[in-house]
Amino acid sequence: MGLNNLRPATGNGRKLYIETYGCQMNVGDSEIVVSLMQADGYFYTEDIGEADVILINTCSIRDNAEQRIWGRLKEFKRYKRAKPGLLIGVIGCMAERLRESLMEQEQIVDIVAGPDSYRDLSKLAKDAASGTRGVNVMLSTEETYADVSPVRLDKNGVSAFIAIMRGCNNYCTYCVVPYTRGRERSRDPQTIVREARELFDAGYREVTLLGQNVNSYSWNGKGFADLLEMVADINPLLRVRFATPHPKDISDRVLEVMAATPNICKHIHLPAQSGSTRMLEQMNRKYTREWYLDRVAAIRRHMPECAITTDLIAGFCGETPEDHAATLSLMREVGYDFAFMFKYSERPGTQAERTMDDDIPEDVKTQRLNEIIALQNELSLESNRRDVGKRFEVLVEGESKRSSEQLFGRTGQNKVVVFDRGSYKPGDYLTIEITDCSSATLMGRPV
């Protein structure tokens, strides 16, 4: 299936609609699913009302994500009533984890497919159409979909995701991903480079290399630093990003390659989760606060201009006021540019659920999360204020949400910049001087 070979919902083929929830990996998986289904004669549609098959690509990382999907499934009942023969499928992490509940409790669901069984989706749909529930949630130690050219569903035509590996071996005590996505396995680097080159030739100007822990990428002696160089060498006009590295093994070699290569973006998302070594041990994160700060110092040493963002959890099992204070102090010490911040949500099947008490009251979790958010808003504003008066290369992505008279793009540090439209278009590189900011956005003018 060729790049962007997106067939519209016309003709006699069955029509496929897909909704995606959760992480960037799920976005990439949905693009793989559409490619595989189109190869079997399906037509992709953005109109749910004309679909013959509705797939919902799910996330299990937090309880509120699952609750949204349960609610969405209930909404789908009206489509079933209006269109006899309509098939509803749940795919992705929630499908693997809750296959029995989905099939037994929700009579609306006809197809359940885990992250490693997307090649089987067309057969599962046929089984469901003949009256047999279509289920395949087997995990694989080999499947990477390396031979599939994803159909790009994002209309901007500027940036795209490339999955370089699947699965996770880390088994953080709070996390369900190793149980829903299986063990780590890496893609052949040549298939990754080919996909990135196809994207560049089709007009894309940015790729993000995806993995649960990109530092663990390995193929016949080649590591992640080697892969970064190979992709960056495609063309200096191709920006390269990646997500997500693990603090326990982000190497100086990766930092050296980033520092020496202009088109590798100077932004690292380095999930901390907590600033307390005691909590990190409880979480099985395999590093200490001191190790984490050493990696931050190494990033600053190699790339003083590099943005650092993070993930933080409030109210994990047994978290004391002192542990919470340690997280706040880590935030101040690092000075994060941005953070994803969450209350701890116990996930069934994880080690924490099996062996630990979710003993922090909900109101305490909320209070601690609010303190984390308030502090990060201050840090983000301070970070953006430091950029006022500076000039950055910005890749134009599209029209600003607030005004059709303005466009937006991102700096290499992954900060959003809004500026007057002029005659610029998505995919252009501009030098922008920053004139103002909020805690979330930079404002500027082309120079």
Protein backbone atom coordinates (compact mmCIF):
# COMPACT_ATOMS: atom_id res chain seq x y z
CA MET A 1 0.00 0.00 0.00
CA GLY A 2 1.60 3.25 -1.12
CA LEU A 3 2.08 6.28 1.09
CA ASN A 4 -1.09 8.33 1.58
CA ASN A 5 -3.02 6.00 -0.71
CA LEU A 6 -6.21 6.89 1.12
CA ARG A 7 -9.23 5.64 -0.75
CA PRO A 8 -12.35 7.72 -0.16
CA ALA A 9 -15.65 6.16 0.85
CA THR A 10 -16.93 5.51 -2.66
CA GLY A 11 -17.66 2.38 -4.69
CA ASN A 12 -19.06 -0.94 -3.59
CA GLY A 13 -16.52 -1.83 -0.89
CA ARG A 14 -17.42 -1.88 2.79
CA LYS A 15 -16.71 1.38 4.57
CA LEU A 16 -14.44 1.64 7.60
CA TYR A 17 -14.54 4.33 10.30
CA ILE A 18 -11.97 4.45 13.12
CA GLU A 19 -11.67 6.50 16.32
CA THR A 20 -8.38 6.68 18.18
CA TYR A 21 -7.79 7.28 21.89
CA GLY A 22 -4.58 7.41 23.90
CA CYS A 23 -0.93 7.73 22.98
CA GLN A 24 0.98 8.47 19.79
CA MET A 25 1.56 4.72 19.37
CA ASN A 26 -2.20 4.29 19.01
CA VAL A 27 -2.32 7.00 16.35
CA GLY A 28 0.35 5.11 14.41
CA ASP A 29 -1.49 1.83 14.92
CA SER A 30 -4.72 3.27 13.51
CA GLU A 31 -2.82 4.28 10.37
CA ILE A 32 -1.54 0.70 10.08
CA VAL A 33 -5.06 -0.68 10.55
CA VAL A 34 -6.47 1.51 7.77
CA SER A 35 -3.68 0.40 5.44
CA LEU A 36 -4.30 -3.30 6.16
CA MET A 37 -8.08 -2.96 5.81
CA GLN A 38 -7.79 -1.03 2.55
CA ALA A 39 -5.60 -3.82 1.17
CA ASP A 40 -8.55 -6.13 1.86
CA GLY A 41 -10.99 -3.94 -0.06
CA TYR A 42 -12.32 -1.56 2.59
CA PHE A 43 -12.85 2.13 1.98
CA TYR A 44 -11.97 4.60 4.73
CA THR A 45 -14.61 7.17 5.69
CA GLU A 46 -14.63 10.07 8.12
CA ASP A 47 -18.44 9.93 8.33
CA ILE A 48 -19.43 7.49 11.06
CA GLY A 49 -23.00 7.45 9.78
CA GLU A 50 -22.07 5.71 6.53
CA ALA A 51 -19.68 3.16 8.04
CA ASP A 52 -20.18 -0.61 7.76
CA VAL A 53 -17.44 -1.25 10.33
CA ILE A 54 -16.66 1.07 13.26
CA LEU A 55 -13.37 0.46 15.08
CA ILE A 56 -12.40 2.18 18.30
CA ASN A 57 -8.67 2.07 19.06
CA THR A 58 -8.36 2.08 22.82
CA CYS A 59 -6.07 2.98 25.69
CA SER A 60 -5.81 1.27 29.10
CA ILE A 61 -3.14 3.43 30.71
CA ARG A 62 -5.61 5.25 33.02
CA ASP A 63 -9.09 4.49 34.26
CA ASN A 64 -10.63 7.70 32.89
CA ALA A 65 -9.46 6.72 29.39
CA GLU A 66 -11.29 3.40 29.69
CA GLN A 67 -14.42 5.06 31.07
CA ARG A 68 -14.57 7.39 28.06
CA ILE A 69 -14.48 4.37 25.77
CA TRP A 70 -17.23 2.51 27.68
CA GLY A 71 -19.34 5.64 27.32
CA ARG A 72 -18.59 5.86 23.61
CA LEU A 73 -19.62 2.25 23.07
CA LYS A 74 -23.02 2.99 24.58
CA GLU A 75 -23.41 5.86 22.10
CA PHE A 76 -22.72 3.46 19.23
CA LYS A 77 -25.96 1.56 19.97
CA ARG A 78 -27.97 4.10 18.01
CA TYR A 79 -25.85 3.46 14.91
CA LYS A 80 -26.54 -0.26 15.26
CA ARG A 81 -30.27 0.38 15.53
CA ALA A 82 -30.18 2.58 12.43
CA LYS A 83 -28.08 0.19 10.36
CA PRO A 84 -28.62 -3.57 10.73
CA GLY A 85 -25.41 -5.43 9.95
CA LEU A 86 -23.15 -2.67 11.26
CA LEU A 87 -20.11 -4.16 13.02
CA ILE A 88 -18.50 -2.56 16.08
CA GLY A 89 -14.91 -3.43 16.96
CA VAL A 90 -12.68 -2.62 19.91
CA ILE A 91 -8.98 -2.81 19.14
CA GLY A 92 -5.78 -1.92 20.98
CA CYS A 93 -4.76 -2.12 24.62
CA MET A 94 -8.23 -2.17 26.16
CA ALA A 95 -9.23 -4.97 23.80
CA GLU A 96 -6.39 -7.16 25.03
CA ARG A 97 -7.02 -6.39 28.70
CA LEU A 98 -10.83 -6.55 28.78
CA ARG A 99 -11.72 -9.01 26.04
CA GLU A 100 -14.13 -11.02 28.20
CA SER A 101 -15.95 -7.97 29.57
CA LEU A 102 -16.24 -6.47 26.11
CA MET A 103 -17.79 -9.59 24.63
CA GLU A 104 -19.99 -10.61 27.57
CA GLN A 105 -21.14 -7.34 29.10
CA GLU A 106 -21.39 -5.20 25.98
CA GLN A 107 -23.50 -7.03 23.40
CA ILE A 108 -22.77 -4.17 21.04
CA VAL A 109 -19.17 -5.34 20.42
CA ASP A 110 -18.67 -7.77 17.51
CA ILE A 111 -14.88 -7.65 17.06
CA VAL A 112 -12.07 -7.60 19.64
CA ALA A 113 -8.48 -7.36 18.40
CA GLY A 114 -5.30 -6.79 20.39
CA PRO A 115 -2.35 -4.69 19.18
CA ASP A 116 -0.58 -7.64 17.56
CA SER A 117 -3.55 -9.04 15.61
CA TYR A 118 -4.37 -6.26 13.16
CA ARG A 119 -3.46 -8.40 10.16
CA ASP A 120 -6.38 -10.61 11.20
CA LEU A 121 -8.98 -7.81 11.33
CA SER A 122 -10.54 -8.43 7.94
CA LYS A 123 -11.07 -12.12 8.80
CA LEU A 124 -12.47 -11.18 12.21
CA ALA A 125 -14.95 -8.86 10.48
CA LYS A 126 -16.05 -11.69 8.18
CA ASP A 127 -16.50 -13.97 11.19
CA ALA A 128 -18.56 -11.32 12.96
CA ALA A 129 -20.71 -10.73 9.87
CA SER A 130 -21.52 -14.45 9.74
CA GLY A 131 -22.70 -14.40 13.35
CA THR A 132 -19.49 -15.51 15.12
CA ARG A 133 -17.78 -13.06 17.42
CA GLY A 134 -14.37 -12.13 15.98
CA VAL A 135 -11.71 -12.25 18.69
CA ASN A 136 -7.91 -12.32 18.53
CA VAL A 137 -5.88 -10.85 21.40
CA MET A 138 -2.80 -13.06 21.15
CA LEU A 139 0.44 -11.19 21.87
CA SER A 140 3.40 -11.70 19.56
CA THR A 141 7.15 -11.71 20.14
CA GLU A 142 7.83 -10.85 16.49
CA GLU A 143 5.09 -8.63 15.00
CA THR A 144 6.29 -5.11 14.15
CA TYR A 145 4.20 -4.38 10.99
CA ALA A 146 7.50 -3.32 9.39
CA ASP A 147 6.25 -4.18 5.89
CA VAL A 148 3.08 -2.06 6.19
CA SER A 149 3.06 1.47 4.77
CA PRO A 150 0.65 3.31 7.09
CA VAL A 151 -2.12 5.43 5.58
CA ARG A 152 -1.56 8.89 7.04
CA LEU A 153 -4.80 10.09 8.60
CA ASP A 154 -3.51 13.49 9.79
CA LYS A 155 -4.35 15.98 7.08
CA ASN A 156 -1.52 18.46 7.76
CA GLY A 157 0.94 16.55 5.54
CA VAL A 158 3.84 18.00 7.54
CA SER A 159 4.58 15.67 10.46
CA ALA A 160 4.14 11.91 10.89
CA PHE A 161 4.83 9.14 13.39
CA ILE A 162 7.04 6.12 12.71
CA ALA A 163 6.95 3.19 15.14
CA ILE A 164 10.51 1.85 15.49
CA MET A 165 9.66 -0.85 18.03
CA ARG A 166 6.76 -2.36 19.94
CA GLY A 167 6.19 -3.62 23.46
CA CYS A 168 7.94 -2.91 26.75
CA ASN A 169 10.21 -4.85 29.13
CA ASN A 170 10.30 -2.40 32.02
CA TYR A 171 7.31 -3.51 34.12
CA CYS A 172 6.86 -0.33 36.13
CA THR A 173 4.55 -1.40 38.94
CA TYR A 174 1.76 1.05 37.97
CA CYS A 175 1.79 0.37 34.23
CA VAL A 176 -0.35 -2.00 32.17
CA VAL A 177 1.56 -1.57 28.87
CA PRO A 178 3.81 -4.67 29.11
CA TYR A 179 0.68 -6.78 29.64
CA THR A 180 -1.27 -5.24 26.75
CA ARG A 181 1.54 -4.76 24.21
CA GLY A 182 3.91 -7.59 25.07
CA ARG A 183 7.69 -7.77 25.09
CA GLU A 184 10.03 -5.37 23.27
CA ARG A 185 10.93 -6.04 19.66
CA SER A 186 12.63 -3.66 17.23
CA ARG A 187 12.11 -3.05 13.51
CA ASP A 188 14.76 -3.50 10.87
CA PRO A 189 16.35 -0.01 10.56
CA GLN A 190 16.23 -0.17 6.76
CA THR A 191 12.42 -0.35 6.86
CA ILE A 192 12.35 2.67 9.17
CA VAL A 193 14.66 4.68 6.91
CA ARG A 194 12.61 3.67 3.86
CA GLU A 195 9.39 4.84 5.53
CA ALA A 196 10.97 8.15 6.58
CA ARG A 197 12.34 8.72 3.07
CA GLU A 198 8.92 8.02 1.53
CA LEU A 199 7.41 10.58 3.88
CA PHE A 200 10.00 13.21 2.98
CA ASP A 201 9.53 12.56 -0.74
CA ALA A 202 5.76 12.99 -0.24
CA GLY A 203 6.30 16.45 1.28
CA TYR A 204 6.48 15.66 5.00
CA ARG A 205 9.12 17.64 6.87
CA GLU A 206 9.07 16.03 10.32
CA VAL A 207 9.03 12.49 11.67
CA THR A 208 8.71 11.32 15.27
CA LEU A 209 10.29 7.94 16.03
CA LEU A 210 8.06 6.09 18.48
CA GLY A 211 8.64 3.39 21.07
CA GLN A 212 7.71 2.71 24.68
CA ASN A 213 11.44 3.04 25.42
CA VAL A 214 13.34 4.16 22.34
CA ASN A 215 16.67 3.82 24.18
CA SER A 216 16.18 0.05 24.06
CA TYR A 217 16.06 -0.04 20.25
CA SER A 218 18.45 -2.73 19.00
CA TRP A 219 18.96 -4.46 15.67
CA ASN A 220 22.05 -6.50 14.80
CA GLY A 221 24.38 -4.35 16.87
CA LYS A 222 22.79 -1.03 15.91
CA GLY A 223 21.36 1.03 18.77
CA PHE A 224 19.09 4.05 18.95
CA ALA A 225 21.91 6.56 18.37
CA ASP A 226 22.77 4.78 15.10
CA LEU A 227 19.14 4.85 14.00
CA LEU A 228 18.86 8.57 14.78
CA GLU A 229 21.86 9.26 12.53
CA MET A 230 20.48 7.11 9.72
CA VAL A 231 17.11 8.90 9.69
CA ALA A 232 18.62 12.38 10.07
CA ASP A 233 20.94 11.68 7.11
CA ILE A 234 17.96 11.33 4.74
CA ASN A 235 17.84 15.11 4.24
CA PRO A 236 18.80 18.13 6.37
CA LEU A 237 15.27 19.52 5.77
CA LEU A 238 13.72 16.54 7.57
CA ARG A 239 13.25 17.23 11.27
CA VAL A 240 13.64 14.19 13.52
CA ARG A 241 11.97 13.83 16.92
CA PHE A 242 11.53 10.82 19.19
CA ALA A 243 9.38 9.59 22.06
CA THR A 244 9.86 8.24 24.62
CA PRO A 245 13.29 7.66 26.19
CA HIS A 246 13.63 6.06 29.63
CA PRO A 247 15.75 7.95 32.18
CA LYS A 248 17.48 4.76 33.32
CA ASP A 249 19.33 4.27 30.05
CA ILE A 250 19.39 7.45 27.96
CA SER A 251 23.03 7.45 26.88
CA ASP A 252 25.66 10.11 26.32
CA ARG A 253 26.05 8.68 22.81
CA VAL A 254 22.45 9.64 21.98
CA LEU A 255 23.05 13.13 23.40
CA GLU A 256 26.25 13.50 21.36
CA VAL A 257 24.43 12.56 18.14
CA MET A 258 21.62 15.01 18.94
CA ALA A 259 24.06 17.83 19.69
CA ALA A 260 26.05 17.22 16.49
CA THR A 261 23.05 16.93 14.14
CA PRO A 262 21.13 20.16 13.43
CA ASN A 263 17.94 18.50 12.14
CA ILE A 264 17.47 16.33 15.25
CA CYS A 265 15.18 18.47 17.39
CA LYS A 266 16.55 19.70 20.70
CA HIS A 267 13.74 18.39 22.87
CA ILE A 268 13.74 15.38 25.19
CA HIS A 269 10.67 14.07 26.95
CA LEU A 270 12.14 12.48 30.08
CA PRO A 271 9.39 10.98 32.28
CA ALA A 272 10.26 11.38 35.96
CA GLN A 273 6.95 10.21 37.51
CA SER A 274 8.22 11.22 40.97
CA GLY A 275 11.01 13.22 42.56
CA SER A 276 11.32 10.80 45.48
CA THR A 277 13.83 7.94 45.26
CA ARG A 278 11.63 5.94 47.63
CA MET A 279 8.65 6.34 45.31
CA LEU A 280 10.76 5.55 42.25
CA GLU A 281 11.76 2.28 43.89
CA GLN A 282 8.09 1.54 44.65
CA MET A 283 7.32 2.22 40.99
CA ASN A 284 10.19 -0.06 39.80
CA ARG A 285 11.58 2.77 37.71
CA LYS A 286 15.15 1.45 38.10
CA TYR A 287 16.78 4.83 38.75
CA THR A 288 17.14 7.24 41.65
CA ARG A 289 16.49 10.95 41.90
CA GLU A 290 20.27 11.45 41.74
CA TRP A 291 20.57 9.38 38.55
CA TYR A 292 17.75 11.33 36.95
CA LEU A 293 19.37 14.68 37.80
CA ASP A 294 22.68 13.37 36.42
CA ARG A 295 20.95 12.67 33.08
CA VAL A 296 19.42 16.16 33.12
CA ALA A 297 22.88 17.62 33.76
CA ALA A 298 24.25 15.60 30.83
CA ILE A 299 21.52 16.95 28.55
CA ARG A 300 22.30 20.53 29.63
CA ARG A 301 26.02 19.91 29.14
CA HIS A 302 25.64 18.62 25.58
CA MET A 303 22.74 20.89 24.56
CA PRO A 304 22.17 23.95 26.75
CA GLU A 305 19.23 24.96 24.54
CA CYS A 306 17.46 21.58 24.80
CA ALA A 307 13.89 21.62 26.13
CA ILE A 308 13.07 19.00 28.77
CA THR A 309 9.50 17.85 29.37
CA THR A 310 8.20 15.11 31.64
CA ASP A 311 5.41 12.95 33.06
CA LEU A 312 4.43 13.16 36.74
CA ILE A 313 2.13 11.04 38.91
CA ALA A 314 0.46 12.42 42.03
CA GLY A 315 -0.62 10.14 44.86
CA PHE A 316 1.05 6.81 44.07
CA CYS A 317 0.74 4.06 46.68
CA GLY A 318 2.26 5.09 50.00
CA GLU A 319 3.25 8.59 48.86
CA THR A 320 3.94 10.78 51.90
CA PRO A 321 3.85 14.58 52.07
CA GLU A 322 7.68 14.42 51.96
CA ASP A 323 7.59 12.35 48.75
CA HIS A 324 5.21 14.87 47.20
CA ALA A 325 7.49 17.73 48.29
CA ALA A 326 10.39 15.92 46.60
CA THR A 327 8.46 15.93 43.32
CA LEU A 328 7.84 19.66 43.60
CA SER A 329 11.51 20.31 44.36
CA LEU A 330 12.58 18.16 41.38
CA MET A 331 10.32 20.26 39.16
CA ARG A 332 11.96 23.44 40.39
CA GLU A 333 15.48 22.03 40.07
CA VAL A 334 14.97 20.83 36.49
CA GLY A 335 12.73 23.72 35.39
CA TYR A 336 10.59 21.69 33.02
CA ASP A 337 9.29 23.39 29.91
CA PHE A 338 6.09 21.33 29.98
CA ALA A 339 4.66 18.30 31.79
CA PHE A 340 1.89 15.73 31.50
CA MET A 341 0.48 15.42 35.02
CA PHE A 342 -1.93 12.82 36.40
CA LYS A 343 -3.43 11.41 39.57
CA TYR A 344 -2.46 7.79 40.18
CA SER A 345 -5.05 5.46 38.70
CA GLU A 346 -4.82 1.83 39.81
CA ARG A 347 -4.82 -0.51 36.82
CA PRO A 348 -6.03 -4.11 37.20
CA GLY A 349 -3.34 -6.72 36.62
CA THR A 350 -0.37 -4.51 37.42
CA GLN A 351 2.06 -5.30 40.21
CA ALA A 352 0.84 -2.29 42.18
CA GLU A 353 -2.74 -3.55 42.01
CA ARG A 354 -1.67 -7.04 43.12
CA THR A 355 0.76 -6.14 45.90
CA MET A 356 0.22 -2.53 47.06
CA ASP A 357 -2.55 -0.53 48.71
CA ASP A 358 -3.99 2.40 46.74
CA ASP A 359 -4.04 4.21 50.07
CA ILE A 360 -3.93 7.90 49.17
CA PRO A 361 -7.42 9.46 49.53
CA GLU A 362 -8.87 10.90 46.34
CA ASP A 363 -9.05 14.43 47.76
CA VAL A 364 -5.36 14.27 48.70
CA LYS A 365 -4.45 13.06 45.21
CA THR A 366 -6.43 15.96 43.74
CA GLN A 367 -4.79 18.50 46.04
CA ARG A 368 -1.30 17.24 45.20
CA LEU A 369 -2.04 17.17 41.49
CA ASN A 370 -3.33 20.75 41.63
CA GLU A 371 -0.12 21.85 43.33
CA ILE A 372 1.93 20.13 40.63
CA ILE A 373 -0.14 21.75 37.87
CA ALA A 374 0.12 25.21 39.45
CA LEU A 375 3.88 24.92 39.76
CA GLN A 376 4.28 23.66 36.20
CA ASN A 377 2.22 26.58 34.89
CA GLU A 378 4.70 28.90 36.60
CA LEU A 379 7.68 27.00 35.17
CA SER A 380 6.21 26.94 31.66
CA LEU A 381 5.57 30.68 31.77
CA GLU A 382 9.13 31.32 33.01
CA SER A 383 10.50 29.13 30.22
CA ASN A 384 8.48 30.93 27.55
CA ARG A 385 9.37 34.37 28.89
CA ARG A 386 13.04 33.49 28.46
CA ASP A 387 12.33 32.99 24.76
CA VAL A 388 10.86 36.47 24.20
CA GLY A 389 13.25 38.44 22.00
CA LYS A 390 14.95 35.31 20.64
CA ARG A 391 14.70 33.94 17.12
CA PHE A 392 13.81 30.34 16.30
CA GLU A 393 13.45 28.24 13.19
CA VAL A 394 9.78 27.26 13.06
CA LEU A 395 8.18 24.57 10.91
CA VAL A 396 4.72 25.76 9.83
CA GLU A 397 2.04 23.16 10.61
CA GLY A 398 -1.29 24.83 9.92
CA GLU A 399 -3.91 27.42 10.76
CA SER A 400 -4.19 28.73 14.31
CA LYS A 401 -7.25 27.46 16.19
CA ARG A 402 -8.11 30.98 17.34
CA SER A 403 -7.87 32.93 14.09
CA SER A 404 -7.87 32.16 10.38
CA GLU A 405 -5.58 35.18 10.00
CA GLN A 406 -2.79 33.36 11.82
CA LEU A 407 -0.75 30.20 11.41
CA PHE A 408 1.08 28.09 13.96
CA GLY A 409 4.22 26.00 13.94
CA ARG A 410 6.73 24.52 16.35
CA THR A 411 10.28 25.29 17.31
CA GLY A 412 12.88 22.55 17.54
CA GLN A 413 12.17 22.61 21.28
CA ASN A 414 8.56 21.58 20.48
CA LYS A 415 7.04 24.89 21.56
CA VAL A 416 3.99 26.17 19.68
CA VAL A 417 4.45 29.56 17.99
CA VAL A 418 1.55 31.62 16.56
CA PHE A 419 2.18 34.32 13.92
CA ASP A 420 0.41 36.26 11.16
CA ARG A 421 -0.50 34.17 8.14
CA GLY A 422 1.17 36.18 5.37
CA SER A 423 1.81 34.01 2.30
CA TYR A 424 3.27 31.09 4.23
CA LYS A 425 2.00 27.53 4.02
CA PRO A 426 2.34 24.27 6.00
CA GLY A 427 5.76 22.71 5.50
CA ASP A 428 7.60 26.03 5.21
CA TYR A 429 10.52 26.80 7.50
CA LEU A 430 10.53 30.34 8.91
CA THR A 431 12.71 32.32 11.25
CA ILE A 432 10.40 33.76 13.89
CA GLU A 433 11.26 36.41 16.45
CA ILE A 434 9.30 35.84 19.66
CA THR A 435 7.44 38.97 20.76
CA ASP A 436 5.13 37.71 23.52
CA CYS A 437 3.99 34.55 25.27
CA SER A 438 1.56 32.79 27.57
CA SER A 439 2.38 29.72 29.64
CA ALA A 440 1.30 27.51 26.72
CA THR A 441 2.15 29.45 23.56
CA LEU A 442 4.74 31.72 22.01
CA MET A 443 3.70 34.62 19.77
CA GLY A 444 6.04 36.03 17.17
CA ARG A 445 6.68 37.62 13.80
CA PRO A 446 8.58 36.27 10.77
CA VAL A 447 11.91 37.94 10.09
